[in-house]
Amino acid sequence: MTPTPDLSAARWTKSSHSGNNGGNCVELTLAVSGFAPVRDSKIAETGPVIPFTRPAWTAFVSALTRS
């Protein structure tokens, strides 16, 4: 199991594909070495964070772009 990185000082960036109308919004931070944590911006403060490793995030995004 992947350890959860400390995200207390992380700066999050909303996906450029997220709408401004409160729709499906994904946020990502690359502030943690070796990780690419992702969260849902609608529930950012209380919701879960998925702590992808950088290689796993790269593979995930690559698979989406091939679809």
Protein backbone atom coordinates (compact mmCIF):
# COMPACT_ATOMS: atom_id res chain seq x y z
CA MET A 1 0.00 0.00 0.00
CA THR A 2 1.25 3.49 -0.90
CA PRO A 3 1.93 5.74 2.10
CA THR A 4 -0.12 8.94 2.26
CA PRO A 5 2.12 11.96 1.76
CA ASP A 6 1.84 15.09 3.95
CA LEU A 7 -0.31 17.51 1.97
CA SER A 8 -0.76 20.21 4.59
CA ALA A 9 1.24 22.79 2.59
CA ALA A 10 0.35 21.57 -0.90
CA ARG A 11 -0.74 24.03 -3.58
CA TRP A 12 -3.48 22.50 -5.70
CA THR A 13 -4.14 23.16 -9.39
CA LYS A 14 -7.55 22.60 -10.99
CA SER A 15 -7.61 20.76 -14.30
CA SER A 16 -7.90 23.01 -17.33
CA HIS A 17 -10.66 20.66 -18.51
CA SER A 18 -12.80 21.39 -15.45
CA GLY A 19 -15.69 23.75 -15.99
CA ASN A 20 -16.38 26.88 -13.98
CA ASN A 21 -19.95 25.80 -13.28
CA GLY A 22 -19.18 23.46 -10.35
CA GLY A 23 -19.03 20.41 -12.59
CA ASN A 24 -16.47 17.63 -12.60
CA CYS A 25 -13.40 19.30 -11.14
CA VAL A 26 -10.16 17.47 -10.53
CA GLU A 27 -7.28 19.06 -8.65
CA LEU A 28 -3.68 17.89 -8.68
CA THR A 29 -0.59 18.82 -6.70
CA LEU A 30 2.97 17.97 -7.63
CA ALA A 31 4.41 19.49 -4.45
CA VAL A 32 5.21 16.09 -2.97
CA SER A 33 8.26 14.34 -4.35
CA GLY A 34 7.39 11.07 -6.08
CA PHE A 35 3.62 11.58 -5.84
CA ALA A 36 0.81 13.14 -7.87
CA PRO A 37 -2.06 13.43 -5.36
CA VAL A 38 -5.49 14.04 -6.90
CA ARG A 39 -8.76 15.21 -5.31
CA ASP A 40 -12.27 16.36 -6.20
CA SER A 41 -12.37 20.16 -5.85
CA LYS A 42 -16.07 20.15 -4.92
CA ILE A 43 -15.22 18.38 -1.65
CA ALA A 44 -11.56 19.33 -1.44
CA GLU A 45 -11.41 20.16 2.25
CA THR A 46 -13.28 17.09 3.50
CA GLY A 47 -13.03 14.59 0.69
CA PRO A 48 -10.49 11.88 0.00
CA VAL A 49 -7.19 12.30 -1.81
CA ILE A 50 -5.87 9.63 -4.15
CA PRO A 51 -2.08 9.58 -3.73
CA PHE A 52 -0.95 8.36 -7.14
CA THR A 53 2.75 7.73 -7.54
CA ARG A 54 4.17 9.78 -10.40
CA PRO A 55 4.63 6.72 -12.67
CA ALA A 56 1.07 5.57 -11.95
CA TRP A 57 -0.33 9.05 -12.70
CA THR A 58 1.64 9.21 -15.96
CA ALA A 59 0.30 5.80 -17.00
CA PHE A 60 -3.27 6.82 -16.06
CA VAL A 61 -3.15 10.05 -18.08
CA SER A 62 -1.52 8.25 -21.02
CA ALA A 63 -4.28 5.65 -21.03
CA LEU A 64 -6.93 8.38 -21.04
CA THR A 65 -5.35 10.20 -23.95
CA ARG A 66 -5.24 6.98 -25.98
CA SER A 67 -9.00 6.39 -25.46
